[in-house]
Amino acid sequence: MNDQNRNHDTLKKMVEYCKDAESFTERCGYDFENYKSDTMFQYACNMCIMQIGELVHRLSDEFIEKNPQIPWHAIRAMRNLYAHEYEKIDLKIVWETLTKRIPELRKQLENMMDTSL
């Protein structure tokens, strides 16, 4: 598979995880208290964030360099935090990621799929 196809497939998977995270937050009424008190909800949402970060590793270096508007390094760093230092996670930051950053990221990724590949 060439880089362009791999990048497109990877972006598509990232968009799906964004949609899943958005669906989870919608299902819980966009309520931080629901998120904070429900570990199953937390784990489901956090897994989506981890998967998005993991998928960044599949994108070609050239693609990442051509798209500096996405905070690729921060996305990977968040994945690493979840995977290796889970006890240090700040739920308020995660909530902001889920309710603000993930929807923004999904739109950017969808736009990339339509225009830059």
PDB file of N, CA and C in Angstrom:
ATOM      1  N   MET A   1       0.848  -1.180   0.000  1.00  0.00           N
ATOM      2  CA  MET A   1       0.000   0.000   0.000  1.00  0.00           C
ATOM      3  C   MET A   1       0.892   1.242   0.000  1.00  0.00           C
ATOM      4  N   ASN A   2       0.590   2.186  -0.864  1.00  0.00           N
ATOM      5  CA  ASN A   2       1.418   3.391  -0.916  1.00  0.00           C
ATOM      6  C   ASN A   2       1.048   4.346   0.227  1.00  0.00           C
ATOM      7  N   ASP A   3       1.909   5.356   0.423  1.00  0.00           N
ATOM      8  CA  ASP A   3       1.703   6.284   1.542  1.00  0.00           C
ATOM      9  C   ASP A   3       0.365   7.001   1.456  1.00  0.00           C
ATOM     10  N   GLN A   4      -0.030   7.408   0.258  1.00  0.00           N
ATOM     11  CA  GLN A   4      -1.281   8.151   0.113  1.00  0.00           C
ATOM     12  C   GLN A   4      -2.478   7.303   0.556  1.00  0.00           C
ATOM     13  N   ASN A   5      -2.520   6.061   0.131  1.00  0.00           N
ATOM     14  CA  ASN A   5      -3.615   5.173   0.538  1.00  0.00           C
ATOM     15  C   ASN A   5      -3.573   4.876   2.032  1.00  0.00           C
ATOM     16  N   ARG A   6      -2.373   4.650   2.552  1.00  0.00           N
ATOM     17  CA  ARG A   6      -2.230   4.377   3.979  1.00  0.00           C
ATOM     18  C   ARG A   6      -2.658   5.590   4.802  1.00  0.00           C
ATOM     19  N   ASN A   7      -2.258   6.770   4.369  1.00  0.00           N
ATOM     20  CA  ASN A   7      -2.655   7.991   5.072  1.00  0.00           C
ATOM     21  C   ASN A   7      -4.176   8.160   5.046  1.00  0.00           C
ATOM     22  N   HIS A   8      -4.779   7.931   3.898  1.00  0.00           N
ATOM     23  CA  HIS A   8      -6.230   8.069   3.785  1.00  0.00           C
ATOM     24  C   HIS A   8      -6.945   7.075   4.698  1.00  0.00           C
ATOM     25  N   ASP A   9      -6.519   5.820   4.669  1.00  0.00           N
ATOM     26  CA  ASP A   9      -7.133   4.803   5.534  1.00  0.00           C
ATOM     27  C   ASP A   9      -6.952   5.145   7.013  1.00  0.00           C
ATOM     28  N   THR A  10      -5.796   5.668   7.356  1.00  0.00           N
ATOM     29  CA  THR A  10      -5.519   6.046   8.741  1.00  0.00           C
ATOM     30  C   THR A  10      -6.399   7.211   9.170  1.00  0.00           C
ATOM     31  N   LEU A  11      -6.520   8.215   8.323  1.00  0.00           N
ATOM     32  CA  LEU A  11      -7.388   9.345   8.641  1.00  0.00           C
ATOM     33  C   LEU A  11      -8.829   8.893   8.812  1.00  0.00           C
ATOM     34  N   LYS A  12      -9.258   7.977   7.969  1.00  0.00           N
ATOM     35  CA  LYS A  12     -10.623   7.458   8.059  1.00  0.00           C
ATOM     36  C   LYS A  12     -10.856   6.787   9.412  1.00  0.00           C
ATOM     37  N   LYS A  13      -9.890   5.999   9.869  1.00  0.00           N
ATOM     38  CA  LYS A  13     -10.005   5.343  11.173  1.00  0.00           C
ATOM     39  C   LYS A  13      -9.995   6.368  12.305  1.00  0.00           C
ATOM     40  N   MET A  14      -9.167   7.381  12.172  1.00  0.00           N
ATOM     41  CA  MET A  14      -9.119   8.429  13.189  1.00  0.00           C
ATOM     42  C   MET A  14     -10.460   9.150  13.281  1.00  0.00           C
ATOM     43  N   VAL A  15     -11.064   9.430  12.137  1.00  0.00           N
ATOM     44  CA  VAL A  15     -12.373  10.083  12.111  1.00  0.00           C
ATOM     45  C   VAL A  15     -13.412   9.207  12.811  1.00  0.00           C
ATOM     46  N   GLU A  16     -13.361   7.915  12.584  1.00  0.00           N
ATOM     47  CA  GLU A  16     -14.320   7.012  13.235  1.00  0.00           C
ATOM     48  C   GLU A  16     -14.171   7.040  14.753  1.00  0.00           C
ATOM     49  N   TYR A  17     -12.938   7.067  15.247  1.00  0.00           N
ATOM     50  CA  TYR A  17     -12.738   7.156  16.698  1.00  0.00           C
ATOM     51  C   TYR A  17     -13.214   8.504  17.233  1.00  0.00           C
ATOM     52  N   CYS A  18     -13.016   9.564  16.461  1.00  0.00           N
ATOM     53  CA  CYS A  18     -13.550  10.871  16.863  1.00  0.00           C
ATOM     54  C   CYS A  18     -15.069  10.808  16.974  1.00  0.00           C
ATOM     55  N   LYS A  19     -15.694  10.205  15.981  1.00  0.00           N
ATOM     56  CA  LYS A  19     -17.155  10.081  15.993  1.00  0.00           C
ATOM     57  C   LYS A  19     -17.621   9.245  17.183  1.00  0.00           C
ATOM     58  N   ASP A  20     -16.904   8.177  17.481  1.00  0.00           N
ATOM     59  CA  ASP A  20     -17.260   7.350  18.643  1.00  0.00           C
ATOM     60  C   ASP A  20     -17.194   8.174  19.926  1.00  0.00           C
ATOM     61  N   ALA A  21     -16.109   8.923  20.102  1.00  0.00           N
ATOM     62  CA  ALA A  21     -15.957   9.747  21.310  1.00  0.00           C
ATOM     63  C   ALA A  21     -17.074  10.785  21.394  1.00  0.00           C
ATOM     64  N   GLU A  22     -17.411  11.386  20.272  1.00  0.00           N
ATOM     65  CA  GLU A  22     -18.497  12.367  20.256  1.00  0.00           C
ATOM     66  C   GLU A  22     -19.832  11.701  20.609  1.00  0.00           C
ATOM     67  N   SER A  23     -20.045  10.517  20.105  1.00  0.00           N
ATOM     68  CA  SER A  23     -21.272   9.778  20.397  1.00  0.00           C
ATOM     69  C   SER A  23     -21.369   9.447  21.884  1.00  0.00           C
ATOM     70  N   PHE A  24     -20.261   9.039  22.485  1.00  0.00           N
ATOM     71  CA  PHE A  24     -20.254   8.717  23.911  1.00  0.00           C
ATOM     72  C   PHE A  24     -20.600   9.946  24.748  1.00  0.00           C
ATOM     73  N   THR A  25     -19.987  11.085  24.418  1.00  0.00           N
ATOM     74  CA  THR A  25     -20.264  12.292  25.203  1.00  0.00           C
ATOM     75  C   THR A  25     -21.710  12.749  25.005  1.00  0.00           C
ATOM     76  N   GLU A  26     -22.227  12.578  23.818  1.00  0.00           N
ATOM     77  CA  GLU A  26     -23.633  12.922  23.569  1.00  0.00           C
ATOM     78  C   GLU A  26     -24.559  12.029  24.395  1.00  0.00           C
ATOM     79  N   ARG A  27     -24.254  10.735  24.410  1.00  0.00           N
ATOM     80  CA  ARG A  27     -25.071   9.773  25.148  1.00  0.00           C
ATOM     81  C   ARG A  27     -25.147  10.099  26.641  1.00  0.00           C
ATOM     82  N   CYS A  28     -24.108  10.700  27.169  1.00  0.00           N
ATOM     83  CA  CYS A  28     -24.097  11.063  28.584  1.00  0.00           C
ATOM     84  C   CYS A  28     -24.497  12.520  28.794  1.00  0.00           C
ATOM     85  N   GLY A  29     -25.115  13.116  27.794  1.00  0.00           N
ATOM     86  CA  GLY A  29     -25.663  14.453  27.947  1.00  0.00           C
ATOM     87  C   GLY A  29     -24.640  15.564  28.047  1.00  0.00           C
ATOM     88  N   TYR A  30     -23.439  15.341  27.511  1.00  0.00           N
ATOM     89  CA  TYR A  30     -22.377  16.354  27.572  1.00  0.00           C
ATOM     90  C   TYR A  30     -22.188  16.866  28.997  1.00  0.00           C
ATOM     91  N   ASP A  31     -22.246  15.966  29.949  1.00  0.00           N
ATOM     92  CA  ASP A  31     -22.208  16.330  31.356  1.00  0.00           C
ATOM     93  C   ASP A  31     -20.910  15.829  31.991  1.00  0.00           C
ATOM     94  N   PHE A  32     -20.080  16.779  32.418  1.00  0.00           N
ATOM     95  CA  PHE A  32     -18.797  16.428  33.026  1.00  0.00           C
ATOM     96  C   PHE A  32     -18.977  15.562  34.271  1.00  0.00           C
ATOM     97  N   GLU A  33     -19.989  15.841  35.057  1.00  0.00           N
ATOM     98  CA  GLU A  33     -20.220  15.054  36.273  1.00  0.00           C
ATOM     99  C   GLU A  33     -20.521  13.593  35.935  1.00  0.00           C
ATOM    100  N   ASN A  34     -21.270  13.362  34.863  1.00  0.00           N
ATOM    101  CA  ASN A  34     -21.505  11.984  34.410  1.00  0.00           C
ATOM    102  C   ASN A  34     -20.185  11.324  34.026  1.00  0.00           C
ATOM    103  N   TYR A  35     -19.374  12.066  33.299  1.00  0.00           N
ATOM    104  CA  TYR A  35     -18.064  11.538  32.896  1.00  0.00           C
ATOM    105  C   TYR A  35     -17.214  11.224  34.126  1.00  0.00           C
ATOM    106  N   LYS A  36     -17.156  12.174  35.038  1.00  0.00           N
ATOM    107  CA  LYS A  36     -16.299  12.036  36.218  1.00  0.00           C
ATOM    108  C   LYS A  36     -16.713  10.863  37.100  1.00  0.00           C
ATOM    109  N   SER A  37     -17.997  10.572  37.167  1.00  0.00           N
ATOM    110  CA  SER A  37     -18.475   9.545  38.090  1.00  0.00           C
ATOM    111  C   SER A  37     -18.638   8.160  37.461  1.00  0.00           C
ATOM    112  N   ASP A  38     -18.451   8.051  36.165  1.00  0.00           N
ATOM    113  CA  ASP A  38     -18.693   6.779  35.470  1.00  0.00           C
ATOM    114  C   ASP A  38     -17.398   6.272  34.838  1.00  0.00           C
ATOM    115  N   THR A  39     -16.723   5.356  35.510  1.00  0.00           N
ATOM    116  CA  THR A  39     -15.437   4.878  34.990  1.00  0.00           C
ATOM    117  C   THR A  39     -15.585   4.147  33.659  1.00  0.00           C
ATOM    118  N   MET A  40     -16.697   3.472  33.437  1.00  0.00           N
ATOM    119  CA  MET A  40     -16.872   2.805  32.149  1.00  0.00           C
ATOM    120  C   MET A  40     -16.933   3.845  31.023  1.00  0.00           C
ATOM    121  N   PHE A  41     -17.627   4.931  31.256  1.00  0.00           N
ATOM    122  CA  PHE A  41     -17.696   6.031  30.302  1.00  0.00           C
ATOM    123  C   PHE A  41     -16.299   6.607  30.078  1.00  0.00           C
ATOM    124  N   GLN A  42     -15.565   6.815  31.156  1.00  0.00           N
ATOM    125  CA  GLN A  42     -14.196   7.330  31.046  1.00  0.00           C
ATOM    126  C   GLN A  42     -13.331   6.403  30.190  1.00  0.00           C
ATOM    127  N   TYR A  43     -13.373   5.115  30.495  1.00  0.00           N
ATOM    128  CA  TYR A  43     -12.534   4.171  29.771  1.00  0.00           C
ATOM    129  C   TYR A  43     -12.887   4.121  28.288  1.00  0.00           C
ATOM    130  N   ALA A  44     -14.155   4.167  27.973  1.00  0.00           N
ATOM    131  CA  ALA A  44     -14.578   4.138  26.568  1.00  0.00           C
ATOM    132  C   ALA A  44     -14.055   5.372  25.827  1.00  0.00           C
ATOM    133  N   CYS A  45     -14.260   6.530  26.414  1.00  0.00           N
ATOM    134  CA  CYS A  45     -13.797   7.767  25.782  1.00  0.00           C
ATOM    135  C   CYS A  45     -12.278   7.812  25.689  1.00  0.00           C
ATOM    136  N   ASN A  46     -11.630   7.417  26.770  1.00  0.00           N
ATOM    137  CA  ASN A  46     -10.169   7.452  26.800  1.00  0.00           C
ATOM    138  C   ASN A  46      -9.558   6.485  25.792  1.00  0.00           C
ATOM    139  N   MET A  47     -10.213   5.363  25.566  1.00  0.00           N
ATOM    140  CA  MET A  47      -9.713   4.419  24.565  1.00  0.00           C
ATOM    141  C   MET A  47      -9.762   5.051  23.171  1.00  0.00           C
ATOM    142  N   CYS A  48     -10.791   5.800  22.887  1.00  0.00           N
ATOM    143  CA  CYS A  48     -10.867   6.483  21.592  1.00  0.00           C
ATOM    144  C   CYS A  48      -9.699   7.450  21.434  1.00  0.00           C
ATOM    145  N   ILE A  49      -9.416   8.203  22.480  1.00  0.00           N
ATOM    146  CA  ILE A  49      -8.300   9.154  22.432  1.00  0.00           C
ATOM    147  C   ILE A  49      -6.980   8.409  22.253  1.00  0.00           C
ATOM    148  N   MET A  50      -6.820   7.297  22.950  1.00  0.00           N
ATOM    149  CA  MET A  50      -5.595   6.497  22.801  1.00  0.00           C
ATOM    150  C   MET A  50      -5.443   5.984  21.368  1.00  0.00           C
ATOM    151  N   GLN A  51      -6.526   5.493  20.805  1.00  0.00           N
ATOM    152  CA  GLN A  51      -6.467   4.946  19.449  1.00  0.00           C
ATOM    153  C   GLN A  51      -6.134   6.028  18.432  1.00  0.00           C
ATOM    154  N   ILE A  52      -6.700   7.212  18.612  1.00  0.00           N
ATOM    155  CA  ILE A  52      -6.379   8.324  17.710  1.00  0.00           C
ATOM    156  C   ILE A  52      -4.882   8.612  17.781  1.00  0.00           C
ATOM    157  N   GLY A  53      -4.347   8.668  18.983  1.00  0.00           N
ATOM    158  CA  GLY A  53      -2.912   8.909  19.149  1.00  0.00           C
ATOM    159  C   GLY A  53      -2.062   7.808  18.564  1.00  0.00           C
ATOM    160  N   GLU A  54      -2.501   6.584  18.713  1.00  0.00           N
ATOM    161  CA  GLU A  54      -1.758   5.450  18.148  1.00  0.00           C
ATOM    162  C   GLU A  54      -1.752   5.516  16.621  1.00  0.00           C
ATOM    163  N   LEU A  55      -2.863   5.912  16.049  1.00  0.00           N
ATOM    164  CA  LEU A  55      -2.963   5.970  14.588  1.00  0.00           C
ATOM    165  C   LEU A  55      -2.064   7.038  13.980  1.00  0.00           C
ATOM    166  N   VAL A  56      -1.726   8.068  14.738  1.00  0.00           N
ATOM    167  CA  VAL A  56      -0.813   9.097  14.221  1.00  0.00           C
ATOM    168  C   VAL A  56       0.497   8.453  13.780  1.00  0.00           C
ATOM    169  N   HIS A  57       0.915   7.404  14.471  1.00  0.00           N
ATOM    170  CA  HIS A  57       2.166   6.722  14.121  1.00  0.00           C
ATOM    171  C   HIS A  57       2.124   6.089  12.730  1.00  0.00           C
ATOM    172  N   ARG A  58       0.940   5.830  12.206  1.00  0.00           N
ATOM    173  CA  ARG A  58       0.810   5.214  10.889  1.00  0.00           C
ATOM    174  C   ARG A  58       0.876   6.219   9.738  1.00  0.00           C
ATOM    175  N   LEU A  59       0.737   7.494  10.055  1.00  0.00           N
ATOM    176  CA  LEU A  59       0.803   8.510   9.008  1.00  0.00           C
ATOM    177  C   LEU A  59       2.250   8.709   8.574  1.00  0.00           C
ATOM    178  N   SER A  60       2.436   8.981   7.309  1.00  0.00           N
ATOM    179  CA  SER A  60       3.799   9.193   6.816  1.00  0.00           C
ATOM    180  C   SER A  60       4.360  10.500   7.378  1.00  0.00           C
ATOM    181  N   ASP A  61       5.672  10.531   7.542  1.00  0.00           N
ATOM    182  CA  ASP A  61       6.335  11.746   8.021  1.00  0.00           C
ATOM    183  C   ASP A  61       6.052  12.910   7.077  1.00  0.00           C
ATOM    184  N   GLU A  62       6.034  12.639   5.801  1.00  0.00           N
ATOM    185  CA  GLU A  62       5.770  13.679   4.804  1.00  0.00           C
ATOM    186  C   GLU A  62       4.377  14.281   5.008  1.00  0.00           C
ATOM    187  N   PHE A  63       3.381  13.436   5.238  1.00  0.00           N
ATOM    188  CA  PHE A  63       2.018  13.924   5.463  1.00  0.00           C
ATOM    189  C   PHE A  63       1.957  14.796   6.713  1.00  0.00           C
ATOM    190  N   ILE A  64       2.594  14.346   7.788  1.00  0.00           N
ATOM    191  CA  ILE A  64       2.597  15.105   9.036  1.00  0.00           C
ATOM    192  C   ILE A  64       3.263  16.464   8.832  1.00  0.00           C
ATOM    193  N   GLU A  65       4.377  16.486   8.120  1.00  0.00           N
ATOM    194  CA  GLU A  65       5.079  17.743   7.856  1.00  0.00           C
ATOM    195  C   GLU A  65       4.247  18.694   7.006  1.00  0.00           C
ATOM    196  N   LYS A  66       3.456  18.157   6.087  1.00  0.00           N
ATOM    197  CA  LYS A  66       2.621  18.988   5.209  1.00  0.00           C
ATOM    198  C   LYS A  66       1.370  19.516   5.908  1.00  0.00           C
ATOM    199  N   ASN A  67       1.083  19.014   7.089  1.00  0.00           N
ATOM    200  CA  ASN A  67      -0.134  19.393   7.814  1.00  0.00           C
ATOM    201  C   ASN A  67       0.183  19.820   9.249  1.00  0.00           C
ATOM    202  N   PRO A  68       0.953  20.901   9.392  1.00  0.00           N
ATOM    203  CA  PRO A  68       1.356  21.336  10.730  1.00  0.00           C
ATOM    204  C   PRO A  68       0.227  21.972  11.545  1.00  0.00           C
ATOM    205  N   GLN A  69      -0.925  22.201  10.932  1.00  0.00           N
ATOM    206  CA  GLN A  69      -2.054  22.790  11.654  1.00  0.00           C
ATOM    207  C   GLN A  69      -2.649  21.820  12.680  1.00  0.00           C
ATOM    208  N   ILE A  70      -2.332  20.550  12.549  1.00  0.00           N
ATOM    209  CA  ILE A  70      -2.781  19.539  13.508  1.00  0.00           C
ATOM    210  C   ILE A  70      -1.662  19.339  14.537  1.00  0.00           C
ATOM    211  N   PRO A  71      -1.997  19.331  15.821  1.00  0.00           N
ATOM    212  CA  PRO A  71      -0.967  19.144  16.855  1.00  0.00           C
ATOM    213  C   PRO A  71      -0.593  17.660  17.011  1.00  0.00           C
ATOM    214  N   TRP A  72       0.042  17.112  15.986  1.00  0.00           N
ATOM    215  CA  TRP A  72       0.363  15.680  15.956  1.00  0.00           C
ATOM    216  C   TRP A  72       1.147  15.260  17.196  1.00  0.00           C
ATOM    217  N   HIS A  73       2.142  16.050  17.561  1.00  0.00           N
ATOM    218  CA  HIS A  73       2.976  15.700  18.714  1.00  0.00           C
ATOM    219  C   HIS A  73       2.140  15.637  19.990  1.00  0.00           C
ATOM    220  N   ALA A  74       1.256  16.600  20.181  1.00  0.00           N
ATOM    221  CA  ALA A  74       0.404  16.620  21.373  1.00  0.00           C
ATOM    222  C   ALA A  74      -0.554  15.426  21.386  1.00  0.00           C
ATOM    223  N   ILE A  75      -1.054  15.055  20.226  1.00  0.00           N
ATOM    224  CA  ILE A  75      -1.959  13.901  20.139  1.00  0.00           C
ATOM    225  C   ILE A  75      -1.219  12.630  20.538  1.00  0.00           C
ATOM    226  N   ARG A  76      -0.001  12.475  20.034  1.00  0.00           N
ATOM    227  CA  ARG A  76       0.810  11.302  20.409  1.00  0.00           C
ATOM    228  C   ARG A  76       1.154  11.327  21.899  1.00  0.00           C
ATOM    229  N   ALA A  77       1.473  12.522  22.395  1.00  0.00           N
ATOM    230  CA  ALA A  77       1.849  12.643  23.810  1.00  0.00           C
ATOM    231  C   ALA A  77       0.672  12.270  24.717  1.00  0.00           C
ATOM    232  N   MET A  78      -0.525  12.662  24.323  1.00  0.00           N
ATOM    233  CA  MET A  78      -1.694  12.319  25.124  1.00  0.00           C
ATOM    234  C   MET A  78      -1.892  10.805  25.127  1.00  0.00           C
ATOM    235  N   ARG A  79      -1.692  10.167  24.007  1.00  0.00           N
ATOM    236  CA  ARG A  79      -1.795   8.707  23.924  1.00  0.00           C
ATOM    237  C   ARG A  79      -0.800   8.062  24.871  1.00  0.00           C
ATOM    238  N   ASN A  80       0.423   8.559  24.856  1.00  0.00           N
ATOM    239  CA  ASN A  80       1.460   7.990  25.716  1.00  0.00           C
ATOM    240  C   ASN A  80       1.136   8.189  27.191  1.00  0.00           C
ATOM    241  N   LEU A  81       0.579   9.331  27.527  1.00  0.00           N
ATOM    242  CA  LEU A  81       0.167   9.578  28.904  1.00  0.00           C
ATOM    243  C   LEU A  81      -0.885   8.561  29.328  1.00  0.00           C
ATOM    244  N   TYR A  82      -1.877   8.337  28.484  1.00  0.00           N
ATOM    245  CA  TYR A  82      -2.942   7.385  28.806  1.00  0.00           C
ATOM    246  C   TYR A  82      -2.406   5.967  28.929  1.00  0.00           C
ATOM    247  N   ALA A  83      -1.484   5.625  28.061  1.00  0.00           N
ATOM    248  CA  ALA A  83      -0.975   4.260  28.039  1.00  0.00           C
ATOM    249  C   ALA A  83       0.014   3.970  29.165  1.00  0.00           C
ATOM    250  N   HIS A  84       0.796   4.979  29.562  1.00  0.00           N
ATOM    251  CA  HIS A  84       1.895   4.708  30.480  1.00  0.00           C
ATOM    252  C   HIS A  84       1.795   5.399  31.838  1.00  0.00           C
ATOM    253  N   GLU A  85       1.007   6.455  31.924  1.00  0.00           N
ATOM    254  CA  GLU A  85       0.930   7.196  33.184  1.00  0.00           C
ATOM    255  C   GLU A  85      -0.526   7.561  33.478  1.00  0.00           C
ATOM    256  N   TYR A  86      -1.370   6.555  33.405  1.00  0.00           N
ATOM    257  CA  TYR A  86      -2.813   6.756  33.500  1.00  0.00           C
ATOM    258  C   TYR A  86      -3.229   7.499  34.765  1.00  0.00           C
ATOM    259  N   GLU A  87      -2.528   7.267  35.856  1.00  0.00           N
ATOM    260  CA  GLU A  87      -2.900   7.902  37.121  1.00  0.00           C
ATOM    261  C   GLU A  87      -2.676   9.408  37.116  1.00  0.00           C
ATOM    262  N   LYS A  88      -1.959   9.932  36.141  1.00  0.00           N
ATOM    263  CA  LYS A  88      -1.687  11.371  36.060  1.00  0.00           C
ATOM    264  C   LYS A  88      -2.706  12.123  35.203  1.00  0.00           C
ATOM    265  N   ILE A  89      -3.698  11.437  34.702  1.00  0.00           N
ATOM    266  CA  ILE A  89      -4.674  12.062  33.805  1.00  0.00           C
ATOM    267  C   ILE A  89      -5.556  13.038  34.583  1.00  0.00           C
ATOM    268  N   ASP A  90      -5.684  14.232  34.042  1.00  0.00           N
ATOM    269  CA  ASP A  90      -6.553  15.264  34.606  1.00  0.00           C
ATOM    270  C   ASP A  90      -7.892  15.178  33.868  1.00  0.00           C
ATOM    271  N   LEU A  91      -8.942  14.787  34.575  1.00  0.00           N
ATOM    272  CA  LEU A  91     -10.239  14.563  33.936  1.00  0.00           C
ATOM    273  C   LEU A  91     -10.812  15.820  33.298  1.00  0.00           C
ATOM    274  N   LYS A  92     -10.500  16.989  33.824  1.00  0.00           N
ATOM    275  CA  LYS A  92     -10.986  18.225  33.205  1.00  0.00           C
ATOM    276  C   LYS A  92     -10.343  18.443  31.839  1.00  0.00           C
ATOM    277  N   ILE A  93      -9.076  18.124  31.730  1.00  0.00           N
ATOM    278  CA  ILE A  93      -8.389  18.248  30.438  1.00  0.00           C
ATOM    279  C   ILE A  93      -8.946  17.236  29.450  1.00  0.00           C
ATOM    280  N   VAL A  94      -9.198  16.030  29.921  1.00  0.00           N
ATOM    281  CA  VAL A  94      -9.785  15.002  29.059  1.00  0.00           C
ATOM    282  C   VAL A  94     -11.155  15.459  28.582  1.00  0.00           C
ATOM    283  N   TRP A  95     -11.944  16.008  29.491  1.00  0.00           N
ATOM    284  CA  TRP A  95     -13.285  16.465  29.131  1.00  0.00           C
ATOM    285  C   TRP A  95     -13.218  17.560  28.060  1.00  0.00           C
ATOM    286  N   GLU A  96     -12.295  18.483  28.213  1.00  0.00           N
ATOM    287  CA  GLU A  96     -12.119  19.531  27.199  1.00  0.00           C
ATOM    288  C   GLU A  96     -11.696  18.912  25.869  1.00  0.00           C
ATOM    289  N   THR A  97     -10.839  17.927  25.941  1.00  0.00           N
ATOM    290  CA  THR A  97     -10.430  17.223  24.722  1.00  0.00           C
ATOM    291  C   THR A  97     -11.636  16.585  24.051  1.00  0.00           C
ATOM    292  N   LEU A  98     -12.458  15.928  24.837  1.00  0.00           N
ATOM    293  CA  LEU A  98     -13.622  15.225  24.291  1.00  0.00           C
ATOM    294  C   LEU A  98     -14.659  16.173  23.703  1.00  0.00           C
ATOM    295  N   THR A  99     -14.901  17.261  24.386  1.00  0.00           N
ATOM    296  CA  THR A  99     -16.012  18.130  23.985  1.00  0.00           C
ATOM    297  C   THR A  99     -15.612  19.241  23.022  1.00  0.00           C
ATOM    298  N   LYS A 100     -14.323  19.598  22.986  1.00  0.00           N
ATOM    299  CA  LYS A 100     -13.881  20.682  22.100  1.00  0.00           C
ATOM    300  C   LYS A 100     -12.880  20.227  21.059  1.00  0.00           C
ATOM    301  N   ARG A 101     -11.827  19.580  21.518  1.00  0.00           N
ATOM    302  CA  ARG A 101     -10.727  19.234  20.600  1.00  0.00           C
ATOM    303  C   ARG A 101     -11.090  18.114  19.631  1.00  0.00           C
ATOM    304  N   ILE A 102     -11.763  17.084  20.115  1.00  0.00           N
ATOM    305  CA  ILE A 102     -12.116  15.951  19.246  1.00  0.00           C
ATOM    306  C   ILE A 102     -13.040  16.398  18.105  1.00  0.00           C
ATOM    307  N   PRO A 103     -14.114  17.157  18.374  1.00  0.00           N
ATOM    308  CA  PRO A 103     -14.946  17.614  17.250  1.00  0.00           C
ATOM    309  C   PRO A 103     -14.170  18.484  16.252  1.00  0.00           C
ATOM    310  N   GLU A 104     -13.284  19.341  16.759  1.00  0.00           N
ATOM    311  CA  GLU A 104     -12.454  20.164  15.871  1.00  0.00           C
ATOM    312  C   GLU A 104     -11.531  19.285  15.037  1.00  0.00           C
ATOM    313  N   LEU A 105     -10.901  18.320  15.686  1.00  0.00           N
ATOM    314  CA  LEU A 105      -9.994  17.415  14.988  1.00  0.00           C
ATOM    315  C   LEU A 105     -10.733  16.635  13.914  1.00  0.00           C
ATOM    316  N   ARG A 106     -11.922  16.124  14.241  1.00  0.00           N
ATOM    317  CA  ARG A 106     -12.693  15.365  13.252  1.00  0.00           C
ATOM    318  C   ARG A 106     -12.946  16.203  12.000  1.00  0.00           C
ATOM    319  N   LYS A 107     -13.343  17.434  12.183  1.00  0.00           N
ATOM    320  CA  LYS A 107     -13.614  18.312  11.034  1.00  0.00           C
ATOM    321  C   LYS A 107     -12.349  18.532  10.205  1.00  0.00           C
ATOM    322  N   GLN A 108     -11.235  18.761  10.880  1.00  0.00           N
ATOM    323  CA  GLN A 108      -9.974  18.968  10.169  1.00  0.00           C
ATOM    324  C   GLN A 108      -9.565  17.718   9.394  1.00  0.00           C
ATOM    325  N   LEU A 109      -9.702  16.560  10.021  1.00  0.00           N
ATOM    326  CA  LEU A 109      -9.323  15.309   9.361  1.00  0.00           C
ATOM    327  C   LEU A 109     -10.225  15.032   8.162  1.00  0.00           C
ATOM    328  N   GLU A 110     -11.524  15.266   8.327  1.00  0.00           N
ATOM    329  CA  GLU A 110     -12.447  15.058   7.203  1.00  0.00           C
ATOM    330  C   GLU A 110     -12.102  15.984   6.059  1.00  0.00           C
ATOM    331  N   ASN A 111     -11.756  17.223   6.373  1.00  0.00           N
ATOM    332  CA  ASN A 111     -11.373  18.175   5.344  1.00  0.00           C
ATOM    333  C   ASN A 111     -10.095  17.720   4.624  1.00  0.00           C
ATOM    334  N   MET A 112      -9.152  17.203   5.381  1.00  0.00           N
ATOM    335  CA  MET A 112      -7.915  16.691   4.779  1.00  0.00           C
ATOM    336  C   MET A 112      -8.196  15.539   3.831  1.00  0.00           C
ATOM    337  N   MET A 113      -9.100  14.668   4.253  1.00  0.00           N
ATOM    338  CA  MET A 113      -9.440  13.520   3.411  1.00  0.00           C
ATOM    339  C   MET A 113     -10.042  13.983   2.088  1.00  0.00           C
ATOM    340  N   ASP A 114     -10.772  15.079   2.117  1.00  0.00           N
ATOM    341  CA  ASP A 114     -11.428  15.597   0.923  1.00  0.00           C
ATOM    342  C   ASP A 114     -10.487  16.404   0.032  1.00  0.00           C
ATOM    343  N   THR A 115      -9.472  17.044   0.631  1.00  0.00           N
ATOM    344  CA  THR A 115      -8.692  17.997  -0.145  1.00  0.00           C
ATOM    345  C   THR A 115      -7.216  17.680  -0.362  1.00  0.00           C
ATOM    346  N   SER A 116      -6.554  17.111   0.631  1.00  0.00           N
ATOM    347  CA  SER A 116      -5.091  17.041   0.522  1.00  0.00           C
ATOM    348  C   SER A 116      -4.539  15.674   0.171  1.00  0.00           C
ATOM    349  N   LEU A 117      -5.363  14.702  -0.018  1.00  0.00           N
ATOM    350  CA  LEU A 117      -4.818  13.377  -0.350  1.00  0.00           C
ATOM    351  C   LEU A 117      -4.926  13.110  -1.826  1.00  0.00           C
TER     352      LEU A 117
END
